[in-house]
Every structure is written in C-alpha cells, then in structure tokens.
Amino acid sequence: MTGDPLFADGVDWGDIAVMGVKVVVAFAALLVATMFMIWFERKLISDMQHRIGPNVAGPWGLLQAFADGVKFFFKEDLRPANADPLVFRLAPYISAVTAFVAFAIVPVGGVFADTGPSGDGGRQGTVTLFGKETILQVADPPVGILLLLAMSSVAVYGVMLAGWSSGSKYPLIGSVRASAQAISYEAALGMSVVAVVIVAGSLSTQSIVASQAGGVNNWLLLTTGIVPFLVFLISATAELNRPPFDLVEAEQELVGGFHTEYSSIRFALFFLAEFMNVITMSAIMVTLFFGGPAGPVFFGWTWLWPTVWFLAKVVAFLFMFVWFRATLPRLRYDQLMSLGWKVLIPVMLFWLMFLGLVQLAGVQGWNRIWVFIAAAIGFALGWALLAAALKAAKRNFADDDTEPLPTHTAGRS
C-alpha cells in the first residue's frame, strides 16, 4: 500500500501542520546538506592534492560556504543587454526547484521489516509525529519513480534556457551541449530505473525500499544484477554534469559554460542546484539500489537507526563523486556521446530483456540454465551485429573524408 498514512482517514488542520513541518524541515535540511557538501568537496579534494583547503571562516573552514552565500547576496545582479529578461530570471529557479522536488520522494527514515524482494511494503517505514502516523519523506506518490524521471528531464530546461536567454554565444554552446548530453544519458538512466521497477514491482519509492528490507541479499543492487546500478551511476554523473562529464562548462573552451553571464544570487542558485542535485541523486541511488534507510536496528532508539544508515550510505556516494572529480580526466565530446549511445543504451536494452525473461521464467517454470544460455547467445549476437554496423559506419565516414573535392572549371578562360 502506497501513500502517506497521514491522509488515510481524511485531512484536518493537524495533518496540514505535520505536512508543512515535513516540507520545511526537508527543505532546510537539504540546504544545510548542500552547504556541507560544498565544504566537504573543497576539503576532501584539498586533502587528496596535499593542500590545506578552507580553514579561516569558522572551525575547519565550516563557515566558508555560508560566507560565499552572503557574498553572493550582496553582489550586483547584472543582466546582459541582449538577454531575454523573463527567461533569464526564471532559468536559475527551474534548476533549483527540480532538485528539491526530486528529493521529496526519498524516504530518509522509518523502520522497514523483511517482506522479501516482491513485497509491496504495506504500512512500513512509518513514524509518529505530533501524535500523527506518517512517513519520513515529503511525499510518496504511487508514481514516484515517474516523478523522478520527469524532474530529471525538466532540470535540463533550466540549463538550456539560461544559455539561450543570455544573448551570448558561449553560454548558448554550453546549453546546447547540455541538452544533447541529457538526451544521450536520460534514456540509459530511465532504463536502469525500469529494471528496478521490474524487480521491485512498484513505482513507489516507499515500496521499493520495503522490498529491500531484511538484509544485503535483498538489495536491488544484487537482485537486478549490478549492471543497472553501474549504468545509473554513469548516467547520473553525466546528468549532473560532474567530472569526467562536465563538458557543459568546459572552462578552456566556454569560459564558464551556460551560466557565464550570471552573477549575484542567480549564479548562486545554479551553484546551489548543482550541489543539491549531487545530494539528491546520491539519495536516489541509495533508495533504488542500497535499501534506503533499511538496515539493522540495535538497542534503543529504533526511530534513529534507519536515518543513520541512510545518511551513512549517502555520504559514501558523496565521497565517491568527489573522488571522481579529483582523479578522472575530462572526456572528449565524441567519447561522451559514444559511451551513451553505443555502450550504455545497448547494454541496458539487453539487460531489460534479460530481466523480463528471468521474471517470465519464474512464472512459467522454465529451466533457468537454458534461459541464461539463450540470453548469452542473444547478447553475443546482438553485440556482434552492433559492432559490425559501427565498423561499417566508421569505414563509410572515412571514405567520405578521403574523397577529393570536385574541381569546377566552368567559366575559366
């Protein structure tokens, strides 16, 4: 059963108050976490590169992100003369709002019992706030995964409109790259999420977490075969414009990318949205593949342990994203597009068919060994055909490049 039990027996002013508290707390917590993420990334990269990092503003430099925010508030807000006034002002808010809305469907706490990988979760993960039974997430719509994919797609409009409305060529190039990159990796990311839905049997994030309760063996990381997680991780990194996929704002080519013409609080909103999206996507990966807040509950404080497990898993992913930034070189644009279209999408297409075949084999009682053999043969055949097609296309492209240009002699004396 999905949905917030807070509204199971109607809506009164107490229910509205509890919902308002959840929204405010979630928004405030996400803002504080974003400030922490900015400090965490600066400090961690400094350690990896044997530098000091921020250490003046507050203890260990913890107030540096706050100081930067105050500075942005008091800087002059500039707008280019050729910019579209309305769209130029609107674009930063699109990027920031979509990041928060995507986080709203993430369960951050609540005790989840073992229901097996196919259970729908029932009323699991509930807590009592101010005498009301509710869940520790802002909302749990029955189509929560579709909302996630929708917000991931809408976020691209903030980047695209920012570059287009600036009235400058370099931001426009950055925004065009962003749209092409998003289209390339949105398909692979969406298919990896579909793999989770196939195995969990629900579009509700609460039910997906409940299906993973009971231990590591129930995590969808393992039950989906690890491949969807790896594809999701790579695609999410590209969606976030994080290194090594940060070609949207390649400084050596585009100065600063799509937000070159922004200043003051509007630039701060893009900066905030980027780091907020990293936290949101890390929380989504924990929810989809690593059991979310589900985990062992020890002595006392049963309401606290799930949130502790959730935060620990999210911090591990944040560390990984920073590690990527500190170690991996930026890809070329052709490598970026080839990885998305020629590797990730074909792999996920095959894996979706394989998972569907496994599910059907379980229902029909087919021999699993023959199913795996048939899938391996199909994968090898499909990959051979794809490799042959790519090789032929590359050969034709090379032939076109080497063909001599025609010479025109008409009209010569």
Protein backbone atom coordinates (compact mmCIF):
# COMPACT_ATOMS: atom_id res chain seq x y z
CA MET A 1 0.00 0.00 0.00
CA THR A 2 1.44 3.36 -1.05
CA GLY A 3 0.77 6.90 0.02
CA ASP A 4 1.14 8.77 3.29
CA PRO A 5 -0.98 7.24 6.09
CA LEU A 6 -1.30 10.79 7.40
CA PHE A 7 -4.18 11.30 4.96
CA ALA A 8 -5.71 7.81 5.18
CA ASP A 9 -8.71 8.98 7.25
CA GLY A 10 -9.26 12.42 5.77
CA VAL A 11 -7.46 15.73 6.12
CA ASP A 12 -7.64 18.10 9.07
CA TRP A 13 -5.59 21.08 10.21
CA GLY A 14 -3.28 18.81 12.21
CA ASP A 15 -2.44 16.81 9.09
CA ILE A 16 -1.72 20.02 7.18
CA ALA A 17 0.53 21.24 10.00
CA VAL A 18 2.51 17.99 10.05
CA MET A 19 2.89 18.13 6.29
CA GLY A 20 4.08 21.73 6.49
CA VAL A 21 6.65 20.77 9.11
CA LYS A 22 7.95 17.96 6.90
CA VAL A 23 8.31 20.30 3.91
CA VAL A 24 10.13 22.99 5.90
CA VAL A 25 12.44 20.51 7.64
CA ALA A 26 13.25 18.71 4.37
CA PHE A 27 14.00 22.00 2.59
CA ALA A 28 16.14 23.32 5.45
CA ALA A 29 17.98 20.01 5.81
CA LEU A 30 18.71 19.91 2.08
CA LEU A 31 20.07 23.47 2.15
CA VAL A 32 22.31 22.70 5.13
CA ALA A 33 23.44 19.46 3.48
CA THR A 34 24.29 21.43 0.33
CA MET A 35 26.45 23.83 2.33
CA PHE A 36 28.12 20.85 3.96
CA MET A 37 28.68 19.25 0.55
CA ILE A 38 30.44 22.38 -0.76
CA TRP A 39 32.78 22.37 2.25
CA PHE A 40 33.19 18.57 2.05
CA GLU A 41 34.23 18.68 -1.61
CA ARG A 42 36.71 21.53 -1.13
CA LYS A 43 38.26 19.95 1.94
CA LEU A 44 38.43 16.43 0.53
CA ILE A 45 39.99 17.47 -2.78
CA SER A 46 42.48 19.59 -0.84
CA ASP A 47 43.48 16.53 1.19
CA MET A 48 43.81 14.42 -1.95
CA GLN A 49 46.00 17.10 -3.57
CA HIS A 50 48.03 17.83 -0.40
CA ARG A 51 46.59 21.32 0.09
CA ILE A 52 45.04 22.99 3.12
CA GLY A 53 41.64 23.98 1.78
CA PRO A 54 39.25 26.37 3.56
CA ASN A 55 40.41 26.93 7.15
CA VAL A 56 39.73 30.58 8.04
CA ALA A 57 35.95 31.08 8.14
CA GLY A 58 34.86 29.15 11.22
CA PRO A 59 36.37 25.99 12.70
CA TRP A 60 37.99 23.89 9.93
CA GLY A 61 36.55 26.36 7.42
CA LEU A 62 32.99 25.13 8.01
CA LEU A 63 31.52 28.63 7.53
CA GLN A 64 33.21 29.24 4.17
CA ALA A 65 30.15 28.15 2.17
CA PHE A 66 27.97 30.42 4.34
CA ALA A 67 30.37 33.31 3.74
CA ASP A 68 30.23 32.71 -0.01
CA GLY A 69 26.43 32.75 0.11
CA VAL A 70 26.39 36.07 1.95
CA LYS A 71 28.81 37.50 -0.61
CA PHE A 72 26.55 36.43 -3.50
CA PHE A 73 23.54 38.10 -1.87
CA PHE A 74 25.27 41.50 -1.79
CA LYS A 75 26.94 41.37 -5.21
CA GLU A 76 25.45 43.40 -8.04
CA ASP A 77 22.91 41.49 -10.14
CA LEU A 78 23.86 42.03 -13.78
CA ARG A 79 21.82 41.27 -16.88
CA PRO A 80 23.27 41.45 -20.41
CA ALA A 81 21.67 43.98 -22.73
CA ASN A 82 20.68 41.29 -25.27
CA ALA A 83 19.24 38.87 -22.70
CA ASP A 84 15.58 37.89 -22.55
CA PRO A 85 14.53 39.45 -19.20
CA LEU A 86 11.85 36.96 -18.10
CA VAL A 87 13.57 33.73 -19.18
CA PHE A 88 16.96 34.93 -17.91
CA ARG A 89 15.50 35.42 -14.43
CA LEU A 90 13.42 32.24 -14.47
CA ALA A 91 16.09 29.70 -15.51
CA PRO A 92 18.02 29.51 -12.17
CA TYR A 93 14.81 28.79 -10.24
CA ILE A 94 13.93 25.89 -12.57
CA SER A 95 17.25 24.21 -11.79
CA ALA A 96 16.91 24.70 -8.02
CA VAL A 97 13.23 23.71 -7.69
CA THR A 98 13.56 20.47 -9.67
CA ALA A 99 16.40 19.32 -7.40
CA PHE A 100 14.23 19.76 -4.29
CA VAL A 101 11.11 18.18 -5.82
CA ALA A 102 13.12 15.09 -6.79
CA PHE A 103 14.38 14.80 -3.20
CA ALA A 104 10.80 14.99 -1.87
CA ILE A 105 10.08 11.35 -2.82
CA VAL A 106 13.09 9.95 -0.95
CA PRO A 107 12.35 8.08 2.34
CA VAL A 108 15.01 9.12 4.86
CA GLY A 109 13.90 7.05 7.86
CA GLY A 110 11.39 4.66 9.36
CA VAL A 111 11.79 1.01 10.33
CA PHE A 112 11.31 -1.40 7.43
CA ALA A 113 10.63 -5.09 8.17
CA ASP A 114 11.56 -8.02 5.95
CA THR A 115 8.90 -8.56 3.27
CA GLY A 116 11.07 -10.23 0.64
CA PRO A 117 12.03 -8.85 -2.75
CA SER A 118 8.48 -8.91 -4.08
CA GLY A 119 6.55 -7.43 -1.17
CA ASP A 120 4.71 -4.13 -1.53
CA GLY A 121 5.72 -2.89 1.91
CA GLY A 122 2.27 -2.15 3.36
CA ARG A 123 2.48 0.46 6.11
CA GLN A 124 6.19 0.04 6.68
CA GLY A 125 8.56 2.89 7.40
CA THR A 126 6.03 4.89 9.39
CA VAL A 127 6.76 7.05 12.41
CA THR A 128 4.64 9.09 14.81
CA LEU A 129 4.98 12.90 14.69
CA PHE A 130 2.85 15.06 17.00
CA GLY A 131 0.51 12.14 17.52
CA LYS A 132 0.07 11.52 13.79
CA GLU A 133 1.25 8.43 11.91
CA THR A 134 3.24 9.44 8.83
CA ILE A 135 6.29 8.57 6.75
CA LEU A 136 9.70 10.26 6.83
CA GLN A 137 9.52 11.68 3.33
CA VAL A 138 7.69 14.68 1.96
CA ALA A 139 5.50 12.65 -0.41
CA ASP A 140 5.06 9.07 -1.60
CA PRO A 141 3.01 9.26 -4.83
CA PRO A 142 2.13 5.91 -6.43
CA VAL A 143 4.16 7.01 -9.47
CA GLY A 144 7.11 8.43 -7.55
CA ILE A 145 9.69 7.00 -9.98
CA LEU A 146 7.94 8.73 -12.89
CA LEU A 147 8.12 11.99 -10.93
CA LEU A 148 11.86 11.45 -10.52
CA LEU A 149 12.34 10.97 -14.26
CA ALA A 150 10.16 13.99 -15.00
CA MET A 151 12.20 16.26 -12.71
CA SER A 152 15.41 14.94 -14.21
CA SER A 153 14.15 15.94 -17.65
CA VAL A 154 12.74 19.33 -16.62
CA ALA A 155 16.03 20.30 -14.94
CA VAL A 156 17.65 20.41 -18.37
CA TYR A 157 15.36 23.30 -19.31
CA GLY A 158 16.94 25.45 -16.63
CA VAL A 159 20.37 24.96 -18.20
CA MET A 160 19.11 25.24 -21.78
CA LEU A 161 17.06 28.40 -21.16
CA ALA A 162 19.90 30.01 -19.20
CA GLY A 163 22.28 29.68 -22.15
CA TRP A 164 19.70 30.67 -24.75
CA SER A 165 18.38 33.70 -22.88
CA SER A 166 21.83 35.15 -22.13
CA GLY A 167 22.20 36.59 -25.63
CA SER A 168 25.79 35.32 -25.82
CA LYS A 169 27.32 32.62 -27.98
CA TYR A 170 29.44 30.79 -25.42
CA PRO A 171 26.60 30.17 -22.92
CA LEU A 172 24.44 29.06 -25.86
CA ILE A 173 27.04 26.47 -26.90
CA GLY A 174 27.19 25.21 -23.30
CA SER A 175 23.41 24.90 -23.13
CA VAL A 176 23.24 23.05 -26.47
CA ARG A 177 25.85 20.62 -25.16
CA ALA A 178 23.77 20.19 -22.02
CA SER A 179 20.62 19.26 -23.95
CA ALA A 180 22.49 16.80 -26.19
CA GLN A 181 24.21 15.25 -23.18
CA ALA A 182 20.95 14.94 -21.26
CA ILE A 183 19.17 13.27 -24.18
CA SER A 184 22.05 10.83 -24.59
CA TYR A 185 22.11 9.72 -20.96
CA GLU A 186 18.46 10.19 -19.96
CA ALA A 187 17.50 7.11 -21.96
CA ALA A 188 20.07 4.88 -20.25
CA LEU A 189 19.21 6.30 -16.82
CA GLY A 190 15.50 5.73 -17.40
CA MET A 191 16.04 2.13 -18.49
CA SER A 192 18.14 1.41 -15.40
CA VAL A 193 15.26 2.70 -13.27
CA VAL A 194 12.84 0.48 -15.23
CA ALA A 195 15.00 -2.50 -14.23
CA VAL A 196 14.41 -1.59 -10.58
CA VAL A 197 10.67 -1.29 -11.18
CA ILE A 198 10.54 -4.70 -12.89
CA VAL A 199 12.17 -6.46 -9.95
CA ALA A 200 10.54 -4.44 -7.13
CA GLY A 201 7.11 -4.47 -8.77
CA SER A 202 6.23 -0.90 -7.77
CA LEU A 203 6.72 2.72 -8.79
CA SER A 204 6.53 3.91 -5.17
CA THR A 205 9.86 4.67 -3.51
CA GLN A 206 8.44 3.56 -0.15
CA SER A 207 7.53 0.16 -1.58
CA ILE A 208 10.88 -0.13 -3.35
CA VAL A 209 12.70 0.38 -0.03
CA ALA A 210 10.36 -2.06 1.71
CA SER A 211 11.14 -4.71 -0.92
CA GLN A 212 14.84 -4.46 0.04
CA ALA A 213 14.36 -4.85 3.80
CA GLY A 214 15.82 -7.87 5.54
CA GLY A 215 19.49 -7.64 4.66
CA VAL A 216 22.03 -7.02 1.92
CA ASN A 217 20.83 -10.04 -0.07
CA ASN A 218 17.55 -8.24 -0.77
CA TRP A 219 19.17 -5.06 -2.06
CA LEU A 220 18.19 -4.34 -5.65
CA LEU A 221 21.87 -3.81 -6.39
CA LEU A 222 22.16 -7.61 -6.32
CA THR A 223 18.69 -8.71 -7.40
CA THR A 224 18.89 -6.60 -10.58
CA GLY A 225 22.37 -7.93 -11.38
CA ILE A 226 24.59 -4.88 -10.59
CA VAL A 227 24.54 -3.76 -14.27
CA PRO A 228 21.56 -1.34 -13.82
CA PHE A 229 23.35 0.30 -10.89
CA LEU A 230 26.56 0.81 -12.87
CA VAL A 231 24.60 2.28 -15.79
CA PHE A 232 22.62 4.50 -13.40
CA LEU A 233 25.83 5.71 -11.73
CA ILE A 234 27.49 6.64 -15.03
CA SER A 235 24.32 8.22 -16.42
CA ALA A 236 23.67 10.16 -13.22
CA THR A 237 27.23 11.52 -13.27
CA ALA A 238 26.62 12.75 -16.82
CA GLU A 239 23.21 14.17 -15.88
CA LEU A 240 24.81 16.09 -13.02
CA ASN A 241 27.50 17.49 -15.34
CA ARG A 242 30.09 16.19 -12.91
CA PRO A 243 33.63 15.23 -13.96
CA PRO A 244 34.55 13.46 -16.14
CA PHE A 245 31.36 14.53 -17.96
CA ASP A 246 31.45 18.28 -17.21
CA LEU A 247 31.68 19.35 -20.86
CA VAL A 248 28.71 21.68 -20.36
CA GLU A 249 31.03 24.10 -18.55
CA ALA A 250 34.44 23.23 -20.01
CA GLU A 251 36.43 26.25 -18.87
CA GLN A 252 39.14 26.03 -21.53
CA GLU A 253 36.50 26.30 -24.28
CA LEU A 254 33.41 28.00 -22.90
CA VAL A 255 34.79 30.31 -20.16
CA GLY A 256 32.19 29.14 -17.65
CA GLY A 257 29.54 27.42 -19.71
CA PHE A 258 25.81 28.17 -19.68
CA HIS A 259 25.98 30.44 -16.59
CA THR A 260 28.80 32.72 -17.83
CA GLU A 261 26.56 35.81 -17.93
CA TYR A 262 25.04 35.24 -14.47
CA SER A 263 26.11 36.99 -11.29
CA SER A 264 24.98 37.54 -7.71
CA ILE A 265 22.16 35.39 -6.32
CA ARG A 266 21.17 33.95 -9.71
CA PHE A 267 24.61 32.45 -10.19
CA ALA A 268 24.43 31.21 -6.58
CA LEU A 269 21.18 29.39 -7.45
CA PHE A 270 22.93 27.47 -10.24
CA PHE A 271 25.82 26.72 -7.90
CA LEU A 272 23.36 25.59 -5.24
CA ALA A 273 21.36 23.47 -7.70
CA GLU A 274 24.48 21.64 -8.88
CA PHE A 275 25.49 20.52 -5.40
CA MET A 276 21.89 19.92 -4.33
CA ASN A 277 21.46 17.63 -7.33
CA VAL A 278 24.52 15.65 -6.27
CA ILE A 279 22.93 15.04 -2.85
CA THR A 280 19.55 14.25 -4.39
CA MET A 281 20.98 11.79 -6.91
CA SER A 282 23.06 10.10 -4.20
CA ALA A 283 19.90 9.71 -2.10
CA ILE A 284 18.05 8.29 -5.12
CA MET A 285 20.78 5.69 -5.72
CA VAL A 286 20.67 4.69 -2.05
CA THR A 287 16.88 4.35 -2.30
CA LEU A 288 16.81 2.36 -5.52
CA PHE A 289 19.77 0.03 -5.07
CA PHE A 290 21.04 0.03 -1.47
CA GLY A 291 17.94 -0.37 0.65
CA GLY A 292 17.46 3.28 1.55
CA PRO A 293 17.10 3.62 5.33
CA ALA A 294 16.52 -0.13 5.73
CA GLY A 295 19.12 -1.72 7.98
CA PRO A 296 19.66 -3.43 11.32
CA VAL A 297 18.13 -1.79 14.38
CA PHE A 298 20.10 -2.22 17.60
CA PHE A 299 19.27 -1.44 21.22
CA GLY A 300 17.01 1.55 21.85
CA TRP A 301 16.11 4.48 19.60
CA THR A 302 14.59 2.36 16.86
CA TRP A 303 13.47 5.53 15.07
CA LEU A 304 17.06 6.82 14.80
CA TRP A 305 18.96 3.87 13.29
CA PRO A 306 17.27 3.91 9.84
CA THR A 307 18.16 7.60 9.38
CA VAL A 308 21.74 6.86 10.46
CA TRP A 309 22.04 4.10 7.85
CA PHE A 310 20.54 6.35 5.18
CA LEU A 311 22.93 9.23 5.91
CA ALA A 312 25.95 6.89 6.01
CA LYS A 313 25.12 5.47 2.58
CA VAL A 314 24.54 8.94 1.11
CA VAL A 315 27.86 10.25 2.47
CA ALA A 316 29.62 7.26 0.88
CA PHE A 317 28.22 8.26 -2.53
CA LEU A 318 29.13 11.91 -1.97
CA PHE A 319 32.70 10.81 -1.25
CA MET A 320 32.67 8.81 -4.49
CA PHE A 321 31.53 11.81 -6.57
CA VAL A 322 34.30 13.95 -5.06
CA TRP A 323 36.78 11.15 -5.72
CA PHE A 324 35.70 11.13 -9.38
CA ARG A 325 36.31 14.87 -9.60
CA ALA A 326 39.78 14.64 -8.07
CA THR A 327 41.06 11.75 -10.18
CA LEU A 328 39.33 11.37 -13.56
CA PRO A 329 40.28 13.47 -16.61
CA ARG A 330 37.55 15.07 -18.70
CA LEU A 331 36.31 13.03 -21.68
CA ARG A 332 36.27 14.32 -25.25
CA TYR A 333 32.82 15.13 -26.55
CA ASP A 334 32.84 12.29 -29.08
CA GLN A 335 33.79 9.87 -26.29
CA LEU A 336 30.93 11.22 -24.19
CA MET A 337 28.35 10.65 -26.92
CA SER A 338 29.77 7.26 -27.92
CA LEU A 339 29.61 5.96 -24.36
CA GLY A 340 25.96 6.97 -24.05
CA TRP A 341 24.62 5.80 -27.40
CA LYS A 342 26.91 2.91 -28.32
CA VAL A 343 27.51 1.29 -24.93
CA LEU A 344 25.07 2.20 -22.14
CA ILE A 345 21.83 2.17 -24.12
CA PRO A 346 22.51 -1.19 -25.91
CA VAL A 347 23.65 -2.78 -22.64
CA MET A 348 20.51 -1.66 -20.79
CA LEU A 349 18.23 -2.73 -23.63
CA PHE A 350 19.67 -6.22 -23.41
CA TRP A 351 19.56 -6.24 -19.61
CA LEU A 352 15.90 -5.20 -19.53
CA MET A 353 15.02 -8.04 -21.88
CA PHE A 354 17.11 -10.40 -19.76
CA LEU A 355 15.37 -9.35 -16.51
CA GLY A 356 11.98 -9.68 -18.18
CA LEU A 357 12.94 -13.15 -19.40
CA VAL A 358 14.04 -14.18 -15.91
CA GLN A 359 10.77 -12.92 -14.41
CA LEU A 360 8.79 -14.79 -17.06
CA ALA A 361 10.86 -17.94 -16.47
CA GLY A 362 9.96 -17.81 -12.80
CA VAL A 363 6.25 -17.54 -13.59
CA GLN A 364 6.25 -20.21 -16.31
CA GLY A 365 8.63 -22.59 -14.51
CA TRP A 366 11.22 -22.63 -17.28
CA ASN A 367 14.69 -24.07 -16.74
CA ARG A 368 16.91 -21.17 -15.58
CA ILE A 369 20.07 -22.66 -17.12
CA TRP A 370 18.54 -22.68 -20.61
CA VAL A 371 17.28 -19.15 -20.06
CA PHE A 372 20.79 -17.94 -19.21
CA ILE A 373 22.28 -19.77 -22.22
CA ALA A 374 19.69 -18.24 -24.56
CA ALA A 375 20.33 -14.78 -23.09
CA ALA A 376 24.11 -15.15 -23.52
CA ILE A 377 23.70 -16.22 -27.15
CA GLY A 378 21.34 -13.33 -27.82
CA PHE A 379 23.72 -10.84 -26.20
CA ALA A 380 26.71 -12.11 -28.20
CA LEU A 381 24.75 -12.00 -31.46
CA GLY A 382 23.37 -8.53 -30.80
CA TRP A 383 26.77 -7.15 -29.81
CA ALA A 384 28.38 -8.64 -32.94
CA LEU A 385 25.73 -7.02 -35.16
CA LEU A 386 26.16 -3.67 -33.39
CA ALA A 387 29.96 -3.83 -33.73
CA ALA A 388 29.65 -4.67 -37.44
CA ALA A 389 27.25 -1.77 -38.00
CA LEU A 390 29.53 0.69 -36.19
CA LYS A 391 32.56 -0.55 -38.11
CA ALA A 392 30.76 -0.14 -41.44
CA ALA A 393 29.61 3.37 -40.48
CA LYS A 394 33.14 4.34 -39.48
CA ARG A 395 34.51 2.98 -42.76
CA ASN A 396 31.94 4.90 -44.80
CA PHE A 397 32.71 8.07 -42.86
CA ALA A 398 36.43 7.64 -43.54
CA ASP A 399 35.75 7.11 -47.25
CA ASP A 400 33.72 10.34 -47.39
CA ASP A 401 36.57 12.26 -45.76
CA THR A 402 39.20 10.98 -48.20
CA GLU A 403 37.12 11.63 -51.36
CA PRO A 404 38.73 14.51 -53.32
CA LEU A 405 36.79 17.72 -53.62
CA PRO A 406 35.31 18.41 -57.09
CA THR A 407 37.09 20.99 -59.24
CA HIS A 408 34.98 23.46 -61.20
CA THR A 409 36.45 24.70 -64.49
CA ALA A 410 33.35 26.27 -65.99
CA GLY A 411 33.82 29.92 -66.87
CA ARG A 412 37.63 29.77 -66.90
CA SER A 413 39.40 31.22 -69.94
